[in-house]
């Protein structure tokens, strides 16, 4: 088996590479790192940069659910590259978005503005009312500060919608998963008891018929 170099999966000139590069090189994460800490150790609960990358890229793919983002980080090689193969779990992603919503919104808006100027948002899925952003949206009126302001407001509104949608989706999935887990747990225990009783009965009968068998 040849080990996969995940960094080679992020190709320059793509949306994922631009998101990765901007978060690593141009975004000041001091404030967000200072707020997002583990209560016990005081250290960041998880690398905020990684969480920012995978969530924003997930939004570009129309993935607006912490559980689905978690799955993507395990199954999709681009997500695995963006997450440095760390595969954050559902609760980590969900709590990060819930706690850092305003900070995340500002960072995402800034990153997307650059991506827009690089003509990387055309055809991207942003799942706003189930619509796809126009392929020409990234190319129109990008020359003046006034135009950039309008574009920023549009992107900010979109990100705000997606963040709220993710938080809502996460809440629903968590409740549904908990209920489902308890139900499945009960069913499995019940099945286990029935199987155990059947085997115990079989062993007793077998030993009575064949007392010398081991």
N, C-alpha and C. Protein backbone atom coordinates (compact mmCIF):
# COMPACT_ATOMS: atom_id res chain seq x y z
N UNK A 1 0.85 -1.20 0.00
CA UNK A 1 0.00 0.00 0.00
C UNK A 1 0.88 1.25 0.00
N UNK A 2 0.61 2.16 -0.94
CA UNK A 2 1.37 3.41 -1.03
C UNK A 2 0.62 4.48 -0.26
N UNK A 3 1.26 5.15 0.71
CA UNK A 3 0.57 6.20 1.47
C UNK A 3 0.17 7.36 0.57
N UNK A 4 -1.01 7.92 0.84
CA UNK A 4 -1.53 9.03 0.04
C UNK A 4 -1.01 10.35 0.58
N UNK A 5 -0.48 11.18 -0.32
CA UNK A 5 -0.06 12.53 0.07
C UNK A 5 -1.27 13.44 -0.11
N UNK A 6 -1.95 13.73 1.00
CA UNK A 6 -3.19 14.49 0.91
C UNK A 6 -2.97 15.91 0.39
N UNK A 7 -1.78 16.49 0.64
CA UNK A 7 -1.52 17.86 0.20
C UNK A 7 -1.55 17.97 -1.32
N UNK A 8 -1.25 16.86 -2.01
CA UNK A 8 -1.26 16.89 -3.47
C UNK A 8 -2.68 16.85 -4.03
N UNK A 9 -3.65 16.61 -3.16
CA UNK A 9 -5.03 16.58 -3.62
C UNK A 9 -5.63 17.98 -3.71
N UNK A 10 -4.95 18.96 -3.09
CA UNK A 10 -5.43 20.34 -3.13
C UNK A 10 -4.64 21.07 -4.21
N UNK A 11 -5.25 21.24 -5.37
CA UNK A 11 -4.56 21.77 -6.55
C UNK A 11 -4.67 23.29 -6.61
N UNK A 12 -3.55 24.00 -6.81
CA UNK A 12 -3.60 25.46 -6.95
C UNK A 12 -4.56 25.88 -8.06
N UNK A 13 -5.29 26.97 -7.82
CA UNK A 13 -6.25 27.46 -8.80
C UNK A 13 -7.66 26.98 -8.54
N UNK A 14 -7.84 26.09 -7.57
CA UNK A 14 -9.17 25.59 -7.24
C UNK A 14 -9.73 26.33 -6.03
N UNK A 15 -11.02 26.19 -5.81
CA UNK A 15 -11.66 26.83 -4.67
C UNK A 15 -11.09 26.30 -3.36
N UNK A 16 -10.92 24.98 -3.27
CA UNK A 16 -10.41 24.39 -2.03
C UNK A 16 -8.99 24.87 -1.70
N UNK A 17 -8.17 25.00 -2.75
CA UNK A 17 -6.80 25.48 -2.51
C UNK A 17 -6.82 26.93 -2.02
N UNK A 18 -7.68 27.74 -2.62
CA UNK A 18 -7.76 29.16 -2.25
C UNK A 18 -8.25 29.31 -0.81
N UNK A 19 -9.26 28.53 -0.45
CA UNK A 19 -9.74 28.56 0.94
C UNK A 19 -8.62 28.16 1.89
N UNK A 20 -7.93 27.08 1.56
CA UNK A 20 -6.82 26.60 2.39
C UNK A 20 -5.73 27.66 2.53
N UNK A 21 -5.33 28.26 1.41
CA UNK A 21 -4.23 29.22 1.42
C UNK A 21 -4.60 30.48 2.21
N UNK A 22 -5.81 30.97 2.00
CA UNK A 22 -6.24 32.19 2.70
C UNK A 22 -6.31 31.96 4.21
N UNK A 23 -6.87 30.83 4.63
CA UNK A 23 -6.97 30.55 6.06
C UNK A 23 -5.59 30.39 6.68
N UNK A 24 -4.68 29.76 5.95
CA UNK A 24 -3.34 29.53 6.48
C UNK A 24 -2.46 30.77 6.46
N UNK A 25 -2.67 31.65 5.47
CA UNK A 25 -1.71 32.74 5.26
C UNK A 25 -2.24 34.15 5.44
N UNK A 26 -3.55 34.35 5.34
CA UNK A 26 -4.06 35.73 5.36
C UNK A 26 -5.09 36.02 6.45
N UNK A 27 -5.62 34.99 7.06
CA UNK A 27 -6.66 35.20 8.06
C UNK A 27 -6.05 35.20 9.46
N UNK A 28 -6.34 36.25 10.22
CA UNK A 28 -5.88 36.34 11.60
C UNK A 28 -6.86 35.58 12.51
N UNK A 29 -6.41 34.47 13.04
CA UNK A 29 -7.26 33.61 13.86
C UNK A 29 -7.05 33.83 15.35
N UNK A 30 -6.34 34.91 15.70
CA UNK A 30 -6.04 35.17 17.11
C UNK A 30 -7.31 35.30 17.94
N UNK A 31 -8.24 36.10 17.47
CA UNK A 31 -9.47 36.33 18.22
C UNK A 31 -10.30 35.06 18.36
N UNK A 32 -10.46 34.37 17.27
CA UNK A 32 -11.30 33.17 17.29
C UNK A 32 -10.64 32.06 18.11
N UNK A 33 -9.30 31.96 18.05
CA UNK A 33 -8.59 30.96 18.85
C UNK A 33 -8.68 31.28 20.33
N UNK A 34 -8.69 32.59 20.64
CA UNK A 34 -8.79 33.01 22.04
C UNK A 34 -10.12 32.69 22.65
N UNK A 35 -11.17 32.70 21.84
CA UNK A 35 -12.52 32.43 22.35
C UNK A 35 -12.85 30.95 22.33
N UNK A 36 -12.33 30.24 21.34
CA UNK A 36 -12.68 28.83 21.19
C UNK A 36 -11.64 27.99 21.92
N UNK A 37 -11.87 27.74 23.19
CA UNK A 37 -10.92 27.02 24.03
C UNK A 37 -11.59 25.87 24.77
N UNK A 38 -10.75 24.93 25.14
CA UNK A 38 -11.20 23.84 25.99
C UNK A 38 -11.28 24.34 27.42
N UNK A 39 -12.41 24.13 28.08
CA UNK A 39 -12.61 24.64 29.44
C UNK A 39 -11.62 24.07 30.44
N UNK A 40 -11.15 22.85 30.19
CA UNK A 40 -10.26 22.20 31.15
C UNK A 40 -8.80 22.61 30.96
N UNK A 41 -8.33 22.62 29.71
CA UNK A 41 -6.91 22.88 29.47
C UNK A 41 -6.62 24.33 29.11
N UNK A 42 -7.62 25.04 28.61
CA UNK A 42 -7.39 26.41 28.17
C UNK A 42 -6.84 26.48 26.75
N UNK A 43 -6.47 25.34 26.19
CA UNK A 43 -5.97 25.29 24.81
C UNK A 43 -7.15 25.21 23.85
N UNK A 44 -6.93 25.58 22.57
CA UNK A 44 -8.03 25.47 21.60
C UNK A 44 -8.61 24.07 21.59
N UNK A 45 -9.94 23.96 21.61
CA UNK A 45 -10.58 22.66 21.62
C UNK A 45 -10.25 21.87 20.36
N UNK A 46 -10.03 22.57 19.27
CA UNK A 46 -9.66 21.95 17.99
C UNK A 46 -9.09 23.05 17.12
N UNK A 47 -8.29 22.69 16.16
CA UNK A 47 -7.69 23.70 15.28
C UNK A 47 -8.79 24.47 14.56
N UNK A 48 -9.01 25.74 14.88
CA UNK A 48 -10.09 26.51 14.24
C UNK A 48 -9.90 26.65 12.74
N UNK A 49 -8.64 26.71 12.30
CA UNK A 49 -8.36 26.85 10.87
C UNK A 49 -8.91 25.68 10.09
N UNK A 50 -8.71 24.47 10.60
CA UNK A 50 -9.21 23.27 9.93
C UNK A 50 -10.73 23.28 9.88
N UNK A 51 -11.36 23.64 10.98
CA UNK A 51 -12.82 23.67 11.02
C UNK A 51 -13.36 24.71 10.04
N UNK A 52 -12.71 25.85 9.95
CA UNK A 52 -13.14 26.89 9.00
C UNK A 52 -13.06 26.37 7.56
N UNK A 53 -11.97 25.71 7.24
CA UNK A 53 -11.77 25.21 5.88
C UNK A 53 -12.84 24.20 5.48
N UNK A 54 -13.05 23.21 6.35
CA UNK A 54 -13.96 22.14 5.96
C UNK A 54 -15.41 22.60 5.92
N UNK A 55 -15.78 23.51 6.82
CA UNK A 55 -17.17 23.99 6.82
C UNK A 55 -17.44 24.85 5.60
N UNK A 56 -16.54 25.78 5.29
CA UNK A 56 -16.76 26.65 4.14
C UNK A 56 -16.76 25.85 2.85
N UNK A 57 -15.85 24.90 2.72
CA UNK A 57 -15.84 24.07 1.52
C UNK A 57 -17.10 23.21 1.45
N UNK A 58 -17.55 22.75 2.59
CA UNK A 58 -18.79 21.97 2.62
C UNK A 58 -19.96 22.80 2.11
N UNK A 59 -20.04 24.06 2.55
CA UNK A 59 -21.10 24.95 2.07
C UNK A 59 -21.04 25.08 0.55
N UNK A 60 -19.84 25.15 0.01
CA UNK A 60 -19.70 25.30 -1.44
C UNK A 60 -20.22 24.07 -2.18
N UNK A 61 -20.27 22.95 -1.47
CA UNK A 61 -20.78 21.70 -2.06
C UNK A 61 -22.24 21.44 -1.67
N UNK A 62 -22.85 22.41 -0.97
CA UNK A 62 -24.24 22.22 -0.57
C UNK A 62 -24.41 21.31 0.63
N UNK A 63 -23.35 21.10 1.40
CA UNK A 63 -23.42 20.26 2.59
C UNK A 63 -23.60 21.17 3.80
N UNK A 64 -24.79 21.15 4.40
CA UNK A 64 -25.12 22.08 5.49
C UNK A 64 -25.52 21.28 6.72
N UNK A 65 -24.63 20.42 7.17
CA UNK A 65 -24.91 19.54 8.31
C UNK A 65 -23.59 19.07 8.89
N UNK A 66 -23.42 19.22 10.19
CA UNK A 66 -22.17 18.81 10.83
C UNK A 66 -21.93 17.31 10.68
N UNK A 67 -22.99 16.53 10.74
CA UNK A 67 -22.84 15.08 10.60
C UNK A 67 -22.38 14.72 9.19
N UNK A 68 -22.92 15.40 8.19
CA UNK A 68 -22.51 15.11 6.82
C UNK A 68 -21.10 15.62 6.54
N UNK A 69 -20.73 16.74 7.19
CA UNK A 69 -19.37 17.24 7.06
C UNK A 69 -18.40 16.24 7.68
N UNK A 70 -18.77 15.71 8.83
CA UNK A 70 -17.95 14.68 9.48
C UNK A 70 -17.77 13.48 8.54
N UNK A 71 -18.85 13.03 7.92
CA UNK A 71 -18.77 11.90 7.00
C UNK A 71 -17.86 12.21 5.81
N UNK A 72 -17.97 13.44 5.30
CA UNK A 72 -17.14 13.84 4.16
C UNK A 72 -15.67 13.81 4.52
N UNK A 73 -15.34 14.18 5.76
CA UNK A 73 -13.95 14.19 6.20
C UNK A 73 -13.40 12.77 6.34
N UNK A 74 -14.25 11.79 6.34
CA UNK A 74 -13.83 10.39 6.40
C UNK A 74 -13.84 9.72 5.04
N UNK A 75 -14.66 10.25 4.12
CA UNK A 75 -14.87 9.55 2.86
C UNK A 75 -14.34 10.29 1.63
N UNK A 76 -14.25 11.62 1.70
CA UNK A 76 -13.86 12.41 0.54
C UNK A 76 -12.42 12.89 0.68
N UNK A 77 -11.61 12.65 -0.33
CA UNK A 77 -10.18 12.93 -0.22
C UNK A 77 -9.87 14.42 -0.12
N UNK A 78 -10.70 15.29 -0.73
CA UNK A 78 -10.49 16.73 -0.63
C UNK A 78 -10.73 17.19 0.81
N UNK A 79 -11.80 16.71 1.40
CA UNK A 79 -12.09 17.05 2.79
C UNK A 79 -11.01 16.51 3.72
N UNK A 80 -10.52 15.32 3.43
CA UNK A 80 -9.46 14.74 4.26
C UNK A 80 -8.19 15.57 4.15
N UNK A 81 -7.94 16.10 2.97
CA UNK A 81 -6.76 16.96 2.79
C UNK A 81 -6.93 18.27 3.55
N UNK A 82 -8.10 18.89 3.43
CA UNK A 82 -8.36 20.16 4.12
C UNK A 82 -8.31 20.00 5.64
N UNK A 83 -8.70 18.83 6.11
CA UNK A 83 -8.72 18.60 7.56
C UNK A 83 -7.40 18.01 8.06
N UNK A 84 -6.41 17.91 7.16
CA UNK A 84 -5.12 17.30 7.51
C UNK A 84 -5.32 15.87 8.03
N UNK A 85 -6.35 15.22 7.49
CA UNK A 85 -6.69 13.85 7.84
C UNK A 85 -6.99 13.68 9.33
N UNK A 86 -7.48 14.75 9.95
CA UNK A 86 -7.76 14.70 11.39
C UNK A 86 -9.18 14.24 11.69
N UNK A 87 -10.06 14.34 10.72
CA UNK A 87 -11.42 13.82 10.83
C UNK A 87 -12.16 14.25 12.10
N UNK A 88 -12.45 15.54 12.26
CA UNK A 88 -13.20 16.01 13.44
C UNK A 88 -14.58 15.38 13.50
N UNK A 89 -15.07 15.16 14.72
CA UNK A 89 -16.37 14.52 14.85
C UNK A 89 -17.51 15.53 14.78
N UNK A 90 -18.72 14.98 14.77
CA UNK A 90 -19.93 15.78 14.61
C UNK A 90 -20.07 16.86 15.68
N UNK A 91 -19.88 16.47 16.93
CA UNK A 91 -20.09 17.43 18.03
C UNK A 91 -19.07 18.56 18.00
N UNK A 92 -17.84 18.27 17.58
CA UNK A 92 -16.81 19.30 17.48
C UNK A 92 -17.20 20.35 16.45
N UNK A 93 -17.63 19.90 15.29
CA UNK A 93 -18.01 20.82 14.21
C UNK A 93 -19.24 21.62 14.62
N UNK A 94 -20.23 20.95 15.18
CA UNK A 94 -21.48 21.60 15.55
C UNK A 94 -21.27 22.67 16.62
N UNK A 95 -20.50 22.34 17.65
CA UNK A 95 -20.28 23.30 18.74
C UNK A 95 -19.46 24.50 18.27
N UNK A 96 -18.52 24.25 17.36
CA UNK A 96 -17.71 25.34 16.82
C UNK A 96 -18.59 26.36 16.09
N UNK A 97 -19.47 25.88 15.23
CA UNK A 97 -20.35 26.77 14.48
C UNK A 97 -21.33 27.48 15.41
N UNK A 98 -21.86 26.76 16.37
CA UNK A 98 -22.81 27.34 17.30
C UNK A 98 -22.17 28.44 18.16
N UNK A 99 -20.97 28.20 18.63
CA UNK A 99 -20.30 29.13 19.53
C UNK A 99 -19.62 30.29 18.81
N UNK A 100 -19.17 30.05 17.58
CA UNK A 100 -18.36 31.04 16.86
C UNK A 100 -19.10 31.62 15.64
N UNK A 101 -20.41 31.59 15.65
CA UNK A 101 -21.20 31.95 14.47
C UNK A 101 -20.82 33.30 13.88
N UNK A 102 -20.78 34.36 14.69
CA UNK A 102 -20.51 35.70 14.17
C UNK A 102 -19.09 35.82 13.64
N UNK A 103 -18.13 35.26 14.37
CA UNK A 103 -16.74 35.31 13.92
C UNK A 103 -16.57 34.53 12.62
N UNK A 104 -17.22 33.39 12.55
CA UNK A 104 -17.15 32.55 11.34
C UNK A 104 -17.76 33.28 10.15
N UNK A 105 -18.88 33.95 10.38
CA UNK A 105 -19.55 34.68 9.30
C UNK A 105 -18.63 35.73 8.69
N UNK A 106 -17.95 36.49 9.54
CA UNK A 106 -17.05 37.53 9.04
C UNK A 106 -15.88 36.95 8.25
N UNK A 107 -15.31 35.87 8.77
CA UNK A 107 -14.18 35.24 8.07
C UNK A 107 -14.62 34.66 6.73
N UNK A 108 -15.73 33.95 6.74
CA UNK A 108 -16.23 33.34 5.50
C UNK A 108 -16.52 34.40 4.44
N UNK A 109 -17.11 35.51 4.86
CA UNK A 109 -17.44 36.57 3.90
C UNK A 109 -16.17 37.11 3.25
N UNK A 110 -15.14 37.35 4.06
CA UNK A 110 -13.87 37.85 3.52
C UNK A 110 -13.22 36.87 2.57
N UNK A 111 -13.21 35.60 2.94
CA UNK A 111 -12.61 34.57 2.09
C UNK A 111 -13.37 34.45 0.77
N UNK A 112 -14.69 34.48 0.85
CA UNK A 112 -15.50 34.35 -0.36
C UNK A 112 -15.36 35.55 -1.28
N UNK A 113 -15.13 36.71 -0.72
CA UNK A 113 -14.91 37.89 -1.56
C UNK A 113 -13.66 37.71 -2.42
N UNK A 114 -12.60 37.19 -1.81
CA UNK A 114 -11.38 36.92 -2.57
C UNK A 114 -11.63 35.84 -3.61
N UNK A 115 -12.33 34.79 -3.22
CA UNK A 115 -12.65 33.71 -4.15
C UNK A 115 -13.48 34.23 -5.32
N UNK A 116 -14.37 35.17 -5.02
CA UNK A 116 -15.19 35.76 -6.07
C UNK A 116 -14.32 36.54 -7.05
N UNK A 117 -13.37 37.31 -6.52
CA UNK A 117 -12.47 38.08 -7.39
C UNK A 117 -11.58 37.16 -8.21
N UNK A 118 -11.37 35.94 -7.72
CA UNK A 118 -10.57 34.95 -8.45
C UNK A 118 -11.42 34.12 -9.41
N UNK A 119 -12.70 34.50 -9.53
CA UNK A 119 -13.64 33.79 -10.41
C UNK A 119 -13.79 32.31 -10.04
N UNK A 120 -13.89 32.04 -8.74
CA UNK A 120 -13.97 30.65 -8.29
C UNK A 120 -15.35 30.26 -7.75
N UNK A 121 -16.29 31.18 -7.75
CA UNK A 121 -17.60 30.87 -7.18
C UNK A 121 -18.65 30.49 -8.22
N UNK A 122 -18.32 30.63 -9.48
CA UNK A 122 -19.28 30.29 -10.52
C UNK A 122 -19.66 28.82 -10.49
N UNK A 123 -20.95 28.53 -10.46
CA UNK A 123 -21.43 27.15 -10.47
C UNK A 123 -21.35 26.46 -9.12
N UNK A 124 -20.88 27.16 -8.12
CA UNK A 124 -20.77 26.55 -6.79
C UNK A 124 -22.13 26.41 -6.13
N UNK A 125 -22.34 25.31 -5.46
CA UNK A 125 -23.59 25.10 -4.73
C UNK A 125 -23.53 25.82 -3.39
N UNK A 126 -24.49 26.73 -3.15
CA UNK A 126 -24.59 27.37 -1.86
C UNK A 126 -25.91 27.05 -1.18
N UNK A 127 -26.70 26.24 -1.79
CA UNK A 127 -27.92 25.70 -1.20
C UNK A 127 -28.83 26.75 -0.57
N UNK A 128 -28.92 27.92 -1.16
CA UNK A 128 -29.82 28.96 -0.67
C UNK A 128 -31.15 28.79 -1.38
N UNK A 129 -32.16 28.33 -0.63
CA UNK A 129 -33.48 28.02 -1.19
C UNK A 129 -33.38 27.02 -2.33
N UNK A 130 -32.36 26.17 -2.24
CA UNK A 130 -32.22 25.12 -3.24
C UNK A 130 -31.72 25.60 -4.58
N UNK A 131 -31.21 26.84 -4.65
CA UNK A 131 -30.78 27.40 -5.93
C UNK A 131 -29.27 27.33 -6.08
N UNK A 132 -28.82 27.33 -7.30
CA UNK A 132 -27.39 27.37 -7.59
C UNK A 132 -27.01 28.79 -7.97
N UNK A 133 -25.90 29.26 -7.42
CA UNK A 133 -25.45 30.60 -7.74
C UNK A 133 -25.10 30.68 -9.23
N UNK A 134 -25.44 31.79 -9.86
CA UNK A 134 -25.17 31.97 -11.28
C UNK A 134 -23.69 31.85 -11.57
N UNK A 135 -23.35 31.19 -12.67
CA UNK A 135 -21.95 31.03 -13.04
C UNK A 135 -21.29 32.35 -13.38
N UNK A 136 -22.10 33.38 -13.65
CA UNK A 136 -21.55 34.70 -13.97
C UNK A 136 -21.46 35.61 -12.75
N UNK A 137 -21.95 35.13 -11.61
CA UNK A 137 -22.02 35.99 -10.42
C UNK A 137 -20.65 36.46 -9.98
N UNK A 138 -19.64 35.62 -10.14
CA UNK A 138 -18.31 35.98 -9.68
C UNK A 138 -17.61 36.97 -10.61
N UNK A 139 -18.14 37.14 -11.83
CA UNK A 139 -17.45 37.97 -12.81
C UNK A 139 -18.07 39.35 -12.98
N UNK A 140 -19.27 39.55 -12.48
CA UNK A 140 -19.95 40.79 -12.77
C UNK A 140 -19.62 41.88 -11.75
N UNK A 141 -19.37 43.07 -12.24
CA UNK A 141 -19.20 44.25 -11.38
C UNK A 141 -18.21 44.06 -10.24
N UNK A 142 -16.98 43.68 -10.57
CA UNK A 142 -16.00 43.46 -9.53
C UNK A 142 -14.92 44.53 -9.51
N UNK A 143 -15.18 45.66 -10.18
CA UNK A 143 -14.11 46.63 -10.34
C UNK A 143 -14.06 47.74 -9.30
N UNK A 144 -15.14 48.05 -8.62
CA UNK A 144 -15.14 49.18 -7.71
C UNK A 144 -15.47 48.77 -6.29
N UNK A 145 -15.13 49.65 -5.33
CA UNK A 145 -15.44 49.38 -3.94
C UNK A 145 -16.95 49.30 -3.72
N UNK A 146 -17.69 50.09 -4.47
CA UNK A 146 -19.14 50.06 -4.35
C UNK A 146 -19.68 48.69 -4.75
N UNK A 147 -19.13 48.16 -5.83
CA UNK A 147 -19.55 46.84 -6.29
C UNK A 147 -19.16 45.76 -5.28
N UNK A 148 -17.97 45.91 -4.72
CA UNK A 148 -17.51 44.94 -3.73
C UNK A 148 -18.39 44.98 -2.48
N UNK A 149 -18.84 46.16 -2.12
CA UNK A 149 -19.71 46.29 -0.96
C UNK A 149 -21.02 45.54 -1.18
N UNK A 150 -21.58 45.68 -2.38
CA UNK A 150 -22.82 44.98 -2.70
C UNK A 150 -22.59 43.46 -2.67
N UNK A 151 -21.46 43.06 -3.23
CA UNK A 151 -21.16 41.63 -3.26
C UNK A 151 -20.94 41.10 -1.85
N UNK A 152 -20.25 41.91 -1.02
CA UNK A 152 -20.02 41.50 0.37
C UNK A 152 -21.33 41.32 1.11
N UNK A 153 -22.26 42.24 0.91
CA UNK A 153 -23.55 42.15 1.59
C UNK A 153 -24.32 40.90 1.16
N UNK A 154 -24.23 40.59 -0.11
CA UNK A 154 -24.91 39.41 -0.62
C UNK A 154 -24.29 38.14 -0.04
N UNK A 155 -22.96 38.08 -0.05
CA UNK A 155 -22.28 36.91 0.48
C UNK A 155 -22.51 36.76 1.98
N UNK A 156 -22.49 37.89 2.69
CA UNK A 156 -22.70 37.86 4.13
C UNK A 156 -24.10 37.34 4.47
N UNK A 157 -25.08 37.78 3.69
CA UNK A 157 -26.45 37.32 3.91
C UNK A 157 -26.56 35.82 3.63
N UNK A 158 -25.87 35.36 2.59
CA UNK A 158 -25.90 33.94 2.24
C UNK A 158 -25.26 33.10 3.34
N UNK A 159 -24.09 33.54 3.81
CA UNK A 159 -23.39 32.82 4.86
C UNK A 159 -24.22 32.80 6.15
N UNK A 160 -24.83 33.92 6.47
CA UNK A 160 -25.67 33.99 7.67
C UNK A 160 -26.80 32.97 7.58
N UNK A 161 -27.41 32.88 6.41
CA UNK A 161 -28.49 31.91 6.18
C UNK A 161 -27.98 30.48 6.36
N UNK A 162 -26.81 30.20 5.79
CA UNK A 162 -26.27 28.84 5.84
C UNK A 162 -25.86 28.44 7.25
N UNK A 163 -25.28 29.38 7.99
CA UNK A 163 -24.89 29.10 9.37
C UNK A 163 -26.11 28.77 10.22
N UNK A 164 -27.16 29.58 10.07
CA UNK A 164 -28.39 29.33 10.82
C UNK A 164 -29.01 27.99 10.42
N UNK A 165 -28.94 27.70 9.13
CA UNK A 165 -29.50 26.44 8.64
C UNK A 165 -28.73 25.26 9.20
N UNK A 166 -27.40 25.37 9.24
CA UNK A 166 -26.60 24.28 9.79
C UNK A 166 -26.91 24.04 11.27
N UNK A 167 -27.00 25.12 12.03
CA UNK A 167 -27.31 25.00 13.46
C UNK A 167 -28.67 24.32 13.65
N UNK A 168 -29.63 24.70 12.82
CA UNK A 168 -30.96 24.10 12.89
C UNK A 168 -30.90 22.62 12.49
N UNK A 169 -30.19 22.33 11.40
CA UNK A 169 -30.06 20.94 10.96
C UNK A 169 -29.38 20.09 12.03
N UNK A 170 -28.33 20.65 12.63
CA UNK A 170 -27.60 19.90 13.66
C UNK A 170 -28.50 19.57 14.84
N UNK A 171 -29.31 20.55 15.25
CA UNK A 171 -30.20 20.33 16.39
C UNK A 171 -31.20 19.21 16.08
N UNK A 172 -31.75 19.22 14.87
CA UNK A 172 -32.70 18.20 14.48
C UNK A 172 -32.06 16.84 14.36
N UNK A 173 -30.86 16.78 13.80
CA UNK A 173 -30.16 15.51 13.64
C UNK A 173 -29.75 14.92 14.98
N UNK A 174 -29.31 15.78 15.88
CA UNK A 174 -28.89 15.31 17.19
C UNK A 174 -30.07 14.68 17.94
N UNK A 175 -31.22 15.37 17.93
CA UNK A 175 -32.41 14.85 18.60
C UNK A 175 -32.86 13.54 17.98
N UNK A 176 -32.90 13.53 16.64
CA UNK A 176 -33.33 12.32 15.95
C UNK A 176 -32.37 11.17 16.17
N UNK A 177 -31.07 11.49 16.18
CA UNK A 177 -30.07 10.43 16.35
C UNK A 177 -30.13 9.84 17.76
N UNK A 178 -30.34 10.73 18.77
CA UNK A 178 -30.42 10.26 20.15
C UNK A 178 -31.61 9.32 20.33
N UNK A 179 -32.77 9.75 19.79
CA UNK A 179 -33.96 8.92 19.91
C UNK A 179 -33.77 7.60 19.18
N UNK A 180 -33.18 7.68 17.99
CA UNK A 180 -32.97 6.49 17.19
C UNK A 180 -31.97 5.55 17.88
N UNK A 181 -30.94 6.13 18.49
CA UNK A 181 -29.93 5.33 19.16
C UNK A 181 -30.54 4.54 20.31
N UNK A 182 -31.40 5.19 21.11
CA UNK A 182 -32.04 4.51 22.22
C UNK A 182 -32.95 3.39 21.74
N UNK A 183 -33.66 3.67 20.65
CA UNK A 183 -34.57 2.65 20.11
C UNK A 183 -33.78 1.46 19.58
N UNK A 184 -32.73 1.74 18.83
CA UNK A 184 -31.89 0.67 18.28
C UNK A 184 -31.23 -0.12 19.41
N UNK A 185 -30.77 0.59 20.44
CA UNK A 185 -30.13 -0.06 21.58
C UNK A 185 -31.11 -1.04 22.24
N UNK A 186 -32.34 -0.60 22.45
CA UNK A 186 -33.36 -1.45 23.08
C UNK A 186 -33.62 -2.69 22.21
N UNK A 187 -33.76 -2.47 20.90
CA UNK A 187 -34.05 -3.58 19.99
C UNK A 187 -32.91 -4.60 19.98
N UNK A 188 -31.68 -4.10 20.01
CA UNK A 188 -30.53 -5.01 19.98
C UNK A 188 -30.42 -5.82 21.27
N UNK A 189 -30.70 -5.17 22.41
CA UNK A 189 -30.65 -5.88 23.69
C UNK A 189 -31.72 -6.95 23.73
N UNK A 190 -32.91 -6.59 23.25
CA UNK A 190 -34.02 -7.55 23.23
C UNK A 190 -33.67 -8.75 22.35
N UNK A 191 -33.08 -8.50 21.20
CA UNK A 191 -32.69 -9.58 20.29
C UNK A 191 -31.59 -10.42 20.93
N UNK A 192 -30.65 -9.75 21.60
CA UNK A 192 -29.56 -10.46 22.26
C UNK A 192 -30.08 -11.41 23.33
N UNK A 193 -31.06 -10.94 24.11
CA UNK A 193 -31.63 -11.78 25.17
C UNK A 193 -32.31 -13.02 24.59
N UNK A 194 -33.05 -12.82 23.50
CA UNK A 194 -33.75 -13.94 22.87
C UNK A 194 -32.75 -14.96 22.34
N UNK A 195 -31.68 -14.49 21.71
CA UNK A 195 -30.67 -15.39 21.17
C UNK A 195 -29.95 -16.13 22.30
N UNK A 196 -29.66 -15.37 23.37
CA UNK A 196 -28.95 -15.98 24.50
C UNK A 196 -29.80 -17.08 25.14
N UNK A 197 -31.10 -16.81 25.31
CA UNK A 197 -32.00 -17.80 25.89
C UNK A 197 -32.10 -19.05 25.00
N UNK A 198 -32.11 -18.83 23.69
CA UNK A 198 -32.19 -19.95 22.75
C UNK A 198 -30.94 -20.82 22.86
N UNK A 199 -29.77 -20.19 22.91
CA UNK A 199 -28.52 -20.94 23.00
C UNK A 199 -28.43 -21.68 24.33
N UNK A 200 -28.83 -21.00 25.43
CA UNK A 200 -28.78 -21.64 26.74
C UNK A 200 -29.69 -22.88 26.78
N UNK A 201 -30.86 -22.76 26.18
CA UNK A 201 -31.79 -23.88 26.12
C UNK A 201 -31.20 -25.02 25.30
N UNK A 202 -30.57 -24.67 24.18
CA UNK A 202 -29.95 -25.66 23.31
C UNK A 202 -28.84 -26.41 24.05
N UNK A 203 -28.01 -25.66 24.80
CA UNK A 203 -26.90 -26.28 25.52
C UNK A 203 -27.40 -27.25 26.60
N UNK A 204 -28.46 -26.85 27.31
CA UNK A 204 -29.00 -27.72 28.35
C UNK A 204 -29.52 -29.02 27.75
N UNK A 205 -30.24 -28.89 26.64
CA UNK A 205 -30.79 -30.07 25.98
C UNK A 205 -29.67 -30.95 25.46
N UNK A 206 -28.67 -30.34 24.87
CA UNK A 206 -27.55 -31.09 24.29
C UNK A 206 -26.81 -31.86 25.38
N UNK A 207 -26.58 -31.26 26.52
CA UNK A 207 -25.85 -31.91 27.59
C UNK A 207 -26.67 -33.07 28.18
N UNK A 208 -28.00 -32.94 28.24
CA UNK A 208 -28.85 -34.01 28.78
C UNK A 208 -28.82 -35.22 27.86
N UNK A 209 -28.82 -34.93 26.52
CA UNK A 209 -28.81 -36.03 25.56
C UNK A 209 -27.43 -36.66 25.44
N UNK A 210 -26.39 -35.83 25.59
CA UNK A 210 -25.01 -36.34 25.42
C UNK A 210 -24.19 -35.94 26.63
N UNK A 211 -24.42 -36.58 27.74
CA UNK A 211 -23.75 -36.21 28.99
C UNK A 211 -22.25 -36.37 28.96
N UNK A 212 -21.70 -37.19 28.05
CA UNK A 212 -20.25 -37.39 27.99
C UNK A 212 -19.56 -36.47 27.01
N UNK A 213 -20.34 -35.67 26.28
CA UNK A 213 -19.73 -34.77 25.29
C UNK A 213 -19.17 -33.54 25.98
N UNK A 214 -18.16 -32.95 25.37
CA UNK A 214 -17.54 -31.74 25.92
C UNK A 214 -18.11 -30.52 25.23
